[in-house]
Amino acid sequence: MKRTCFTIVLLFLFVSVFCQNVKAQQDKAAVKSIAVYSTSSGTDQRITLTDKIEFTKAVQPLESEISVFVNPAKKFQTFIGIGGAITDASAETFAKLPDEKKQEFLSAYYDKNKGIGYTLARTNIHSCDFSSGSYTYIADGDKELKTFTIDHDKTFRIPLIKQAIKAAGGKLLLFASPWSPPAFMKNNKDILHGGKLLPEYYNSWATYFTKFIKAYEKEGIPIWGISVQNEPMATQRWESCIYTAEEERDFLKDHLGPIMKKKGLGDKKIIVWDHNRDLINQRASTIFEDPIAAKYAWGIGFHWYETWAGGEPMFGNVAKVHEAYPTKNILFTEGCVEAFNAEKYNYWANGERYGRSMINDFNAGTVGWTDWNILLDETGGPNHVSNFCLAPIHADTKTGQLIYTPSYYYIGHFSKFIRPNAKRVSTAPSRSQLLSVSFINEDGKMATIVMNESDKPVVYNFIVGSSETKINILPHAIQTLVY
């Protein structure tokens, strides 16, 4: 009996010590420090480590205080990556850089330690506006695609993509988009100016996608996915082609999807729409409500140019698609500052436009975010129809120098700290002065992005579960909190 009592006492003591150790570990975890990285207008802060702060036990904030609340227990979509488009224009500009600047550029985008760690990329299927001229991969009139070759891309674009993959550590999710079928396949007989794909060429054009994928993969460049058509509701003076929602649905379900599967490419991701937020809901319902078309569609892509005429970004439309079709992925496939002006290289509002979009798009359910050209020259090109625009990095091909714009740093506050397979977690600011989003990475590290577009500095409570601290953010600044 005494031995039994002694054993019980020992067991009790063991359990007590164990529980105290667990509590100590929990308390220790609750006061771990936060690393604050900042980019701020009017300072030299550019993704700069500006502070390390300790957590304390959270208390009820006052209604008058500004707070950012994070609940790590509530997880949402899985993140796939952030990146930009490797176009002909980017590749041709890159080729003109001195060797040391080429290496600087590759590290700036694709090295997660020295740069901002891009993991996603887009490229064009034959020419787009950001090419030096229009071209296709076949001879005119070759419906059977017997002359198909990607030799054109081997001069500039393929070498840059290969170097980008290497700089990214050997892996880069790459998807490809067409701007237009060859002219002879369209009702306007023009690769430019809109027009429509003629029904007698549906199978030929669908097969063209498969030949592109296989040709690139033969060059050692894996293609993760494709979009059906860039901006299918825009008649542009450059390469463009129109599909109504019903036409895109039927091309996907009766031609592109089955042919991709038949050619052994059924595992490739197919993205529909690839246009602005304004009409995204109608396109989603038309395609995703069709059970055959829906099985071929990995998800839906969108751009931000619904604001081109001075309108407001329609972030709510993206959230409505996610609400209606939670099993379908949503990917931001293109955005840029539309009109080139060298005097606006350092225009801070351009960076804030990126930050605002990325925070709202991720909070709406977006799984990845793709900028437009990764590099342009000092004219905002090359572009064969003079549709010049801004990029996060420009190269002055006359001096060989690289120019980093605020957009580069704003994107970097996300891409450097949020890694593939991270999960978005619940985040909400209490006052409209701040925008915020959070992710938890596979290694357990969390990244919360906080953005202040106001003209005044803000002191806010940062409350994560039962822990909190106070953080200062400067006017027109963005922070990433890593903890």
Protein backbone atom coordinates (compact mmCIF):
# COMPACT_ATOMS: atom_id res chain seq x y z
CA MET A 1 0.00 0.00 0.00
CA LYS A 2 2.83 2.42 0.96
CA ARG A 3 4.62 1.59 -2.30
CA THR A 4 1.42 2.32 -4.25
CA CYS A 5 0.98 5.68 -2.50
CA PHE A 6 4.62 6.55 -3.12
CA THR A 7 4.19 5.74 -6.81
CA ILE A 8 1.11 7.94 -7.03
CA VAL A 9 2.97 10.81 -5.36
CA LEU A 10 5.87 10.46 -7.79
CA LEU A 11 3.45 10.37 -10.73
CA PHE A 12 1.71 13.47 -9.41
CA LEU A 13 5.02 15.30 -9.07
CA PHE A 14 6.05 14.24 -12.58
CA VAL A 15 2.79 15.48 -14.08
CA SER A 16 3.05 18.78 -12.16
CA VAL A 17 6.61 19.40 -13.36
CA PHE A 18 5.64 18.44 -16.92
CA CYS A 19 2.69 20.85 -16.89
CA GLN A 20 4.86 23.63 -15.48
CA ASN A 21 7.42 23.07 -18.23
CA VAL A 22 4.71 23.15 -20.89
CA LYS A 23 3.33 26.38 -19.44
CA ALA A 24 6.83 27.84 -19.32
CA GLN A 25 7.37 26.96 -22.96
CA GLN A 26 4.02 28.51 -23.86
CA ASP A 27 4.85 31.66 -21.92
CA LYS A 28 8.25 31.78 -23.59
CA ALA A 29 6.64 31.39 -27.01
CA ALA A 30 4.19 34.16 -26.21
CA VAL A 31 6.96 36.74 -25.77
CA LYS A 32 9.02 35.96 -28.83
CA SER A 33 10.14 39.04 -30.71
CA ILE A 34 8.78 40.46 -33.95
CA ALA A 35 11.15 41.60 -36.68
CA VAL A 36 9.79 44.70 -38.42
CA TYR A 37 10.83 45.37 -42.02
CA SER A 38 9.86 48.77 -43.41
CA THR A 39 9.67 50.72 -46.65
CA SER A 40 8.73 54.36 -46.12
CA SER A 41 8.32 57.43 -48.32
CA GLY A 42 10.82 60.22 -47.72
CA THR A 43 13.33 57.89 -46.03
CA ASP A 44 16.01 55.46 -47.11
CA GLN A 45 14.04 52.50 -45.69
CA ARG A 46 13.64 49.86 -48.40
CA ILE A 47 12.58 46.51 -46.90
CA THR A 48 14.88 47.56 -44.06
CA LEU A 49 14.95 45.84 -40.65
CA THR A 50 13.81 48.79 -38.55
CA ASP A 51 12.84 47.24 -35.23
CA LYS A 52 12.65 44.14 -33.05
CA ILE A 53 9.86 44.17 -30.52
CA GLU A 54 8.75 41.78 -27.79
CA PHE A 55 5.22 40.49 -27.35
CA THR A 56 3.43 40.88 -24.02
CA LYS A 57 0.10 39.52 -22.80
CA ALA A 58 -2.80 41.09 -24.69
CA VAL A 59 -5.36 43.28 -22.95
CA GLN A 60 -8.65 44.62 -24.25
CA PRO A 61 -7.84 47.55 -26.61
CA LEU A 62 -9.82 50.77 -26.34
CA GLU A 63 -12.26 51.67 -29.09
CA SER A 64 -10.29 54.86 -29.75
CA GLU A 65 -7.07 52.92 -30.41
CA ILE A 66 -5.97 51.60 -33.78
CA SER A 67 -5.33 47.86 -33.77
CA VAL A 68 -4.48 45.02 -36.13
CA PHE A 69 -5.88 41.65 -35.01
CA VAL A 70 -4.49 38.30 -36.19
CA ASN A 71 -6.08 34.94 -35.40
CA PRO A 72 -3.62 32.21 -36.50
CA ALA A 73 -6.19 29.47 -35.76
CA LYS A 74 -8.36 30.57 -38.71
CA LYS A 75 -6.65 29.50 -41.94
CA PHE A 76 -7.79 30.04 -45.50
CA GLN A 77 -6.37 29.58 -49.02
CA THR A 78 -2.97 28.05 -49.80
CA PHE A 79 -0.51 30.48 -51.38
CA ILE A 80 1.30 29.43 -54.60
CA GLY A 81 3.63 32.36 -55.25
CA ILE A 82 4.33 35.88 -56.43
CA GLY A 83 6.19 36.86 -59.58
CA GLY A 84 6.16 38.70 -62.88
CA ALA A 85 6.02 38.16 -66.63
CA ILE A 86 9.10 37.25 -68.63
CA THR A 87 8.13 38.80 -71.95
CA ASP A 88 10.11 39.34 -75.14
CA ALA A 89 10.57 42.96 -74.07
CA SER A 90 12.01 41.92 -70.71
CA ALA A 91 14.35 39.39 -72.31
CA GLU A 92 15.56 41.75 -75.06
CA THR A 93 16.26 44.46 -72.47
CA PHE A 94 18.03 42.00 -70.17
CA ALA A 95 20.33 40.94 -73.03
CA LYS A 96 21.62 44.52 -73.31
CA LEU A 97 22.78 44.70 -69.69
CA PRO A 98 26.43 44.29 -68.66
CA ASP A 99 27.12 40.87 -67.12
CA GLU A 100 27.39 42.17 -63.57
CA LYS A 101 24.05 43.96 -63.91
CA LYS A 102 22.45 40.79 -65.27
CA GLN A 103 23.48 38.98 -62.11
CA GLU A 104 22.30 41.84 -59.93
CA PHE A 105 18.93 41.77 -61.69
CA LEU A 106 18.47 38.01 -61.32
CA SER A 107 19.37 38.15 -57.63
CA ALA A 108 17.11 41.15 -57.08
CA TYR A 109 14.04 39.25 -58.24
CA TYR A 110 14.69 35.57 -57.63
CA ASP A 111 17.08 35.21 -54.67
CA LYS A 112 15.01 35.11 -51.47
CA ASN A 113 17.97 36.27 -49.35
CA LYS A 114 19.61 38.91 -51.56
CA GLY A 115 16.40 39.87 -53.33
CA ILE A 116 12.63 39.47 -53.08
CA GLY A 117 12.33 35.76 -53.88
CA TYR A 118 9.96 35.50 -56.86
CA THR A 119 8.49 32.00 -57.27
CA LEU A 120 5.93 32.56 -60.05
CA ALA A 121 6.25 33.64 -63.69
CA ARG A 122 4.15 34.22 -66.78
CA THR A 123 5.20 34.27 -70.42
CA ASN A 124 3.56 34.90 -73.79
CA ILE A 125 2.71 32.25 -76.42
CA HIS A 126 4.25 33.85 -79.54
CA SER A 127 4.05 37.64 -79.76
CA CYS A 128 2.25 40.16 -77.60
CA ASP A 129 2.44 43.96 -77.53
CA PHE A 130 5.65 43.70 -75.48
CA SER A 131 7.52 42.09 -78.37
CA SER A 132 9.60 43.95 -80.95
CA GLY A 133 7.21 42.76 -83.66
CA SER A 134 4.36 40.34 -84.35
CA TYR A 135 5.25 36.69 -85.00
CA THR A 136 3.88 33.16 -84.60
CA TYR A 137 5.47 29.71 -84.42
CA ILE A 138 4.11 28.46 -87.76
CA ALA A 139 4.07 29.42 -91.43
CA ASP A 140 1.00 31.35 -92.56
CA GLY A 141 -1.90 29.03 -93.35
CA ASP A 142 -0.37 25.93 -91.72
CA LYS A 143 -3.50 24.48 -90.14
CA GLU A 144 -1.76 21.14 -89.52
CA LEU A 145 1.04 22.90 -87.57
CA LYS A 146 3.74 21.02 -89.50
CA THR A 147 6.06 24.04 -89.42
CA PHE A 148 5.73 24.65 -85.67
CA THR A 149 8.99 25.85 -84.07
CA ILE A 150 9.90 28.02 -81.09
CA ASP A 151 13.26 29.02 -82.61
CA HIS A 152 12.31 32.69 -82.29
CA ASP A 153 12.26 32.40 -78.48
CA LYS A 154 15.69 30.77 -78.27
CA THR A 155 17.51 34.06 -78.88
CA PHE A 156 16.35 36.04 -75.85
CA ARG A 157 13.34 34.72 -73.95
CA ILE A 158 14.26 31.09 -73.32
CA PRO A 159 17.78 31.95 -72.07
CA LEU A 160 16.34 34.47 -69.59
CA ILE A 161 13.70 32.03 -68.33
CA LYS A 162 16.39 29.40 -67.77
CA GLN A 163 18.52 31.87 -65.81
CA ALA A 164 15.52 32.96 -63.77
CA ILE A 165 14.73 29.34 -62.86
CA LYS A 166 18.33 28.81 -61.79
CA ALA A 167 18.37 32.02 -59.73
CA ALA A 168 15.12 30.93 -58.04
CA GLY A 169 16.78 27.77 -56.81
CA GLY A 170 15.80 25.50 -59.68
CA LYS A 171 12.02 25.87 -59.49
CA LEU A 172 9.68 28.51 -60.88
CA LEU A 173 5.95 28.06 -61.49
CA LEU A 174 5.57 29.22 -65.10
CA PHE A 175 2.30 29.72 -66.92
CA ALA A 176 1.83 30.88 -70.51
CA SER A 177 -0.85 33.01 -72.17
CA PRO A 178 -1.69 33.68 -75.84
CA TRP A 179 -2.60 37.19 -77.00
CA SER A 180 -4.00 36.01 -80.34
CA PRO A 181 -4.15 32.98 -82.62
CA PRO A 182 -2.37 33.37 -86.00
CA ALA A 183 -4.15 35.78 -88.35
CA PHE A 184 -5.39 33.11 -90.77
CA MET A 185 -7.31 31.40 -87.93
CA LYS A 186 -9.38 34.54 -87.18
CA ASN A 187 -12.41 36.10 -88.79
CA ASN A 188 -10.65 39.46 -89.25
CA LYS A 189 -7.51 37.84 -90.76
CA ASP A 190 -5.41 40.02 -88.47
CA ILE A 191 -3.32 39.03 -85.46
CA LEU A 192 -4.06 42.51 -84.10
CA HIS A 193 -7.33 44.39 -83.48
CA GLY A 194 -9.46 41.74 -81.80
CA GLY A 195 -11.42 39.46 -84.09
CA LYS A 196 -12.51 35.92 -83.23
CA LEU A 197 -11.14 32.42 -83.62
CA LEU A 198 -12.97 30.67 -86.46
CA PRO A 199 -14.69 27.40 -85.44
CA GLU A 200 -12.85 25.39 -88.12
CA TYR A 201 -9.57 26.18 -86.34
CA TYR A 202 -10.64 25.32 -82.77
CA ASN A 203 -8.82 21.97 -82.73
CA SER A 204 -5.78 23.34 -84.51
CA TRP A 205 -5.45 26.22 -82.05
CA ALA A 206 -5.96 23.90 -79.07
CA THR A 207 -3.19 21.65 -80.41
CA TYR A 208 -0.96 24.73 -80.76
CA PHE A 209 -1.00 25.06 -76.95
CA THR A 210 0.20 21.47 -76.54
CA LYS A 211 3.00 21.95 -79.06
CA PHE A 212 4.15 25.07 -77.21
CA ILE A 213 4.21 23.26 -73.86
CA LYS A 214 6.09 20.26 -75.23
CA ALA A 215 8.59 22.42 -77.11
CA TYR A 216 9.39 24.48 -74.00
CA GLU A 217 9.67 21.39 -71.83
CA LYS A 218 12.05 19.87 -74.38
CA GLU A 219 14.21 22.96 -73.72
CA GLY A 220 14.19 22.11 -70.00
CA ILE A 221 11.52 24.67 -69.03
CA PRO A 222 8.55 23.11 -67.18
CA ILE A 223 5.20 24.71 -67.95
CA TRP A 224 2.91 24.65 -64.91
CA GLY A 225 -0.17 25.97 -66.67
CA ILE A 226 -1.80 28.07 -69.37
CA SER A 227 -4.56 30.62 -69.65
CA VAL A 228 -7.06 30.30 -72.48
CA GLN A 229 -6.75 33.89 -73.73
CA ASN A 230 -5.28 37.15 -72.51
CA GLU A 231 -8.01 39.77 -72.06
CA PRO A 232 -10.74 38.02 -74.08
CA MET A 233 -13.11 41.02 -73.99
CA ALA A 234 -10.67 43.67 -75.26
CA THR A 235 -10.21 44.67 -78.90
CA GLN A 236 -6.69 46.11 -78.79
CA ARG A 237 -4.47 47.66 -81.44
CA TRP A 238 -2.00 44.94 -80.53
CA GLU A 239 -2.42 41.14 -80.49
CA SER A 240 -5.92 40.35 -79.22
CA CYS A 241 -8.84 37.97 -79.68
CA ILE A 242 -12.42 38.06 -78.41
CA TYR A 243 -14.26 35.24 -76.65
CA THR A 244 -17.66 35.66 -75.04
CA ALA A 245 -18.12 33.66 -71.84
CA GLU A 246 -20.02 30.99 -73.76
CA GLU A 247 -17.37 30.82 -76.48
CA GLU A 248 -14.55 30.41 -73.98
CA ARG A 249 -16.55 27.77 -72.11
CA ASP A 250 -17.21 25.75 -75.26
CA PHE A 251 -13.64 26.06 -76.57
CA LEU A 252 -12.38 24.81 -73.20
CA LYS A 253 -14.77 21.89 -72.75
CA ASP A 254 -14.98 20.67 -76.35
CA HIS A 255 -11.48 21.36 -77.64
CA LEU A 256 -8.70 22.67 -75.38
CA GLY A 257 -9.43 20.51 -72.33
CA PRO A 258 -9.90 17.21 -74.20
CA ILE A 259 -6.92 17.81 -76.49
CA MET A 260 -4.63 18.70 -73.58
CA LYS A 261 -5.68 15.46 -71.90
CA LYS A 262 -5.28 13.42 -75.10
CA LYS A 263 -1.74 14.77 -75.56
CA GLY A 264 -0.75 13.71 -72.03
CA LEU A 265 -0.99 17.21 -70.57
CA GLY A 266 -4.09 16.78 -68.44
CA ASP A 267 -2.12 17.71 -65.32
CA LYS A 268 -1.40 21.23 -66.58
CA LYS A 269 -3.43 23.98 -64.93
CA ILE A 270 -5.90 25.81 -67.18
CA ILE A 271 -6.86 29.37 -66.18
CA VAL A 272 -9.96 31.01 -67.64
CA TRP A 273 -10.88 34.69 -68.07
CA ASP A 274 -7.43 36.35 -67.55
CA HIS A 275 -9.03 39.79 -67.70
CA ASN A 276 -10.37 42.47 -65.34
CA ARG A 277 -12.36 42.23 -62.11
CA ASP A 278 -15.42 43.94 -63.59
CA LEU A 279 -16.82 40.98 -65.58
CA ILE A 280 -15.16 38.19 -63.59
CA ASN A 281 -18.36 37.00 -61.88
CA GLN A 282 -20.26 36.43 -65.11
CA ARG A 283 -17.30 34.58 -66.64
CA ALA A 284 -16.92 32.41 -63.54
CA SER A 285 -20.59 31.44 -63.39
CA THR A 286 -20.79 30.67 -67.12
CA ILE A 287 -17.78 28.33 -67.06
CA PHE A 288 -17.85 26.88 -63.54
CA GLU A 289 -21.57 26.09 -63.66
CA ASP A 290 -20.93 23.81 -66.65
CA PRO A 291 -19.76 20.50 -65.13
CA ILE A 292 -17.67 19.48 -68.16
CA ALA A 293 -15.95 22.85 -68.62
CA ALA A 294 -15.44 23.17 -64.85
CA LYS A 295 -13.51 19.91 -64.61
CA TYR A 296 -10.87 21.29 -67.00
CA ALA A 297 -10.57 24.71 -65.31
CA TRP A 298 -8.08 24.89 -62.43
CA GLY A 299 -9.26 28.40 -61.71
CA ILE A 300 -9.81 31.93 -62.92
CA GLY A 301 -7.29 34.72 -63.56
CA PHE A 302 -7.79 38.47 -63.37
CA HIS A 303 -6.13 41.85 -64.06
CA TRP A 304 -6.62 45.26 -62.44
CA TYR A 305 -7.27 47.51 -65.46
CA GLU A 306 -10.95 48.11 -64.68
CA THR A 307 -9.52 51.29 -63.10
CA TRP A 308 -8.08 52.61 -66.37
CA ALA A 309 -10.92 55.12 -66.85
CA GLY A 310 -10.68 56.41 -63.29
CA GLY A 311 -12.93 53.86 -61.59
CA GLU A 312 -12.34 52.14 -58.27
CA PRO A 313 -10.79 48.65 -58.00
CA MET A 314 -13.55 46.05 -57.75
CA PHE A 315 -11.99 43.93 -55.00
CA GLY A 316 -15.43 42.74 -53.90
CA ASN A 317 -16.00 40.96 -57.21
CA VAL A 318 -13.03 38.68 -56.52
CA ALA A 319 -14.38 37.86 -53.06
CA LYS A 320 -17.77 37.00 -54.58
CA VAL A 321 -16.17 34.51 -56.98
CA HIS A 322 -14.34 32.89 -54.07
CA GLU A 323 -17.56 32.75 -52.07
CA ALA A 324 -19.50 31.17 -54.94
CA TYR A 325 -16.80 28.71 -56.10
CA PRO A 326 -14.52 27.99 -53.13
CA THR A 327 -12.96 24.92 -54.79
CA LYS A 328 -11.71 26.98 -57.76
CA ASN A 329 -8.45 28.89 -57.53
CA ILE A 330 -8.19 32.63 -58.13
CA LEU A 331 -4.94 34.04 -59.54
CA PHE A 332 -3.93 37.62 -60.26
CA THR A 333 -2.35 37.25 -63.71
CA GLU A 334 -1.39 40.81 -64.72
CA GLY A 335 -1.08 44.37 -63.48
CA CYS A 336 1.15 47.35 -64.21
CA VAL A 337 1.23 51.15 -64.13
CA GLU A 338 -0.18 51.71 -67.58
CA ALA A 339 1.38 54.91 -68.94
CA PHE A 340 5.17 55.21 -69.04
CA ASN A 341 6.69 58.38 -67.69
CA ALA A 342 10.36 58.39 -66.65
CA GLU A 343 9.61 61.26 -64.27
CA LYS A 344 7.40 58.83 -62.31
CA TYR A 345 10.07 56.21 -61.64
CA ASN A 346 9.93 57.26 -57.98
CA TYR A 347 6.22 58.12 -57.82
CA TRP A 348 5.27 56.63 -54.45
CA ALA A 349 1.58 56.14 -55.25
CA ASN A 350 2.56 53.50 -57.83
CA GLY A 351 3.98 51.33 -55.09
CA GLU A 352 0.94 51.92 -52.91
CA ARG A 353 -1.29 50.79 -55.77
CA TYR A 354 0.51 47.44 -55.70
CA GLY A 355 0.30 47.13 -51.93
CA ARG A 356 -3.40 48.01 -51.83
CA SER A 357 -4.24 45.52 -54.57
CA MET A 358 -2.18 42.69 -53.13
CA ILE A 359 -3.63 43.03 -49.62
CA ASN A 360 -7.21 43.22 -50.86
CA ASP A 361 -6.79 40.46 -53.45
CA PHE A 362 -5.24 38.04 -50.95
CA ASN A 363 -7.92 38.81 -48.38
CA ALA A 364 -10.50 38.05 -51.10
CA GLY A 365 -9.10 34.53 -51.62
CA THR A 366 -6.43 34.99 -54.31
CA VAL A 367 -3.74 32.26 -54.24
CA GLY A 368 -0.98 34.04 -56.18
CA TRP A 369 -0.10 37.38 -57.72
CA THR A 370 1.68 38.05 -61.04
CA ASP A 371 3.04 41.43 -62.06
CA TRP A 372 3.43 42.31 -65.76
CA ASN A 373 6.92 42.84 -67.31
CA ILE A 374 9.76 42.11 -64.90
CA LEU A 375 12.03 44.52 -66.81
CA LEU A 376 11.61 47.30 -69.38
CA ASP A 377 14.03 49.77 -70.92
CA GLU A 378 14.31 53.54 -70.53
CA THR A 379 11.40 54.07 -72.96
CA GLY A 380 8.99 51.71 -71.18
CA GLY A 381 9.42 49.13 -73.93
CA PRO A 382 10.29 47.71 -76.35
CA ASN A 383 6.70 47.56 -77.57
CA HIS A 384 5.80 47.28 -81.24
CA VAL A 385 2.62 49.40 -80.95
CA SER A 386 4.03 52.03 -78.56
CA ASN A 387 1.93 50.79 -75.61
CA PHE A 388 4.70 51.74 -73.19
CA CYS A 389 4.30 51.24 -69.43
CA LEU A 390 6.20 51.11 -66.14
CA ALA A 391 7.81 48.05 -64.56
CA PRO A 392 9.16 47.52 -61.03
CA ILE A 393 12.69 47.58 -62.47
CA HIS A 394 13.85 49.51 -65.54
CA ALA A 395 17.17 49.33 -67.33
CA ASP A 396 18.81 52.33 -68.90
CA THR A 397 20.35 50.52 -71.87
CA LYS A 398 22.52 53.54 -72.65
CA THR A 399 24.29 53.52 -69.28
CA GLY A 400 23.71 49.90 -68.24
CA GLN A 401 22.16 50.96 -64.94
CA LEU A 402 19.16 49.42 -63.20
CA ILE A 403 16.41 51.63 -61.79
CA TYR A 404 14.36 50.25 -58.88
CA THR A 405 10.92 51.81 -58.45
CA PRO A 406 8.75 51.86 -55.29
CA SER A 407 6.63 49.08 -56.84
CA TYR A 408 9.58 46.67 -56.58
CA TYR A 409 9.85 47.21 -52.82
CA TYR A 410 6.12 47.05 -52.19
CA ILE A 411 5.89 43.71 -54.02
CA GLY A 412 8.93 42.53 -52.09
CA HIS A 413 7.18 43.02 -48.75
CA PHE A 414 4.99 40.08 -49.78
CA SER A 415 7.17 37.89 -52.03
CA LYS A 416 10.24 37.86 -49.78
CA PHE A 417 8.40 36.75 -46.65
CA ILE A 418 5.44 34.68 -47.88
CA ARG A 419 6.62 31.40 -49.36
CA PRO A 420 4.79 28.79 -51.45
CA ASN A 421 2.35 26.60 -49.49
CA ALA A 422 1.81 29.27 -46.84
CA LYS A 423 -1.74 29.65 -45.56
CA ARG A 424 -3.51 32.96 -45.22
CA VAL A 425 -4.83 33.52 -41.70
CA SER A 426 -7.51 35.79 -40.31
CA THR A 427 -6.40 39.44 -40.08
CA ALA A 428 -8.43 42.60 -39.50
CA PRO A 429 -7.45 46.21 -38.74
CA SER A 430 -9.80 48.20 -36.52
CA ARG A 431 -9.41 51.49 -38.37
CA SER A 432 -9.38 52.32 -42.08
CA GLN A 433 -6.01 54.09 -41.88
CA LEU A 434 -4.37 50.66 -42.16
CA LEU A 435 -4.62 47.72 -44.54
CA SER A 436 -3.34 44.30 -43.49
CA VAL A 437 -3.03 40.63 -44.44
CA SER A 438 -1.23 37.68 -42.79
CA PHE A 439 0.18 34.31 -43.80
CA ILE A 440 1.72 31.42 -41.89
CA ASN A 441 4.55 29.65 -43.71
CA GLU A 442 5.21 25.93 -43.65
CA ASP A 443 8.07 26.44 -41.18
CA GLY A 444 5.69 28.12 -38.71
CA LYS A 445 6.96 31.65 -39.30
CA MET A 446 4.25 34.20 -39.76
CA ALA A 447 4.29 37.30 -41.94
CA THR A 448 1.83 40.14 -41.46
CA ILE A 449 1.88 43.01 -43.95
CA VAL A 450 0.60 46.36 -42.68
CA MET A 451 0.22 49.37 -44.97
CA ASN A 452 -0.37 53.02 -44.07
CA GLU A 453 -1.50 55.19 -47.00
CA SER A 454 -2.28 58.19 -44.79
CA ASP A 455 -0.24 61.38 -44.39
CA LYS A 456 0.26 60.78 -40.67
CA PRO A 457 2.31 58.29 -38.64
CA VAL A 458 0.24 55.67 -36.83
CA VAL A 459 0.83 53.84 -33.56
CA TYR A 460 -1.17 50.63 -33.52
CA ASN A 461 -1.73 47.65 -31.26
CA PHE A 462 -0.59 44.46 -32.94
CA ILE A 463 -2.60 41.66 -31.35
CA VAL A 464 -1.94 38.02 -32.24
CA GLY A 465 -4.19 35.68 -30.30
CA SER A 466 -3.45 36.37 -26.64
CA SER A 467 -0.24 38.35 -27.29
CA GLU A 468 0.25 41.97 -28.24
CA THR A 469 2.72 44.79 -28.77
CA LYS A 470 2.67 48.39 -30.01
CA ILE A 471 4.20 49.27 -33.38
CA ASN A 472 4.87 52.58 -35.13
CA ILE A 473 4.36 52.94 -38.88
CA LEU A 474 5.39 56.07 -40.78
CA PRO A 475 3.16 57.94 -43.28
CA HIS A 476 2.96 56.32 -46.72
CA ALA A 477 4.78 53.22 -45.52
CA ILE A 478 4.47 49.45 -45.68
CA GLN A 479 5.76 46.98 -43.09
CA THR A 480 6.20 43.24 -42.93
CA LEU A 481 6.13 41.81 -39.42
CA VAL A 482 7.91 38.46 -39.15
CA TYR A 483 7.35 36.41 -35.96
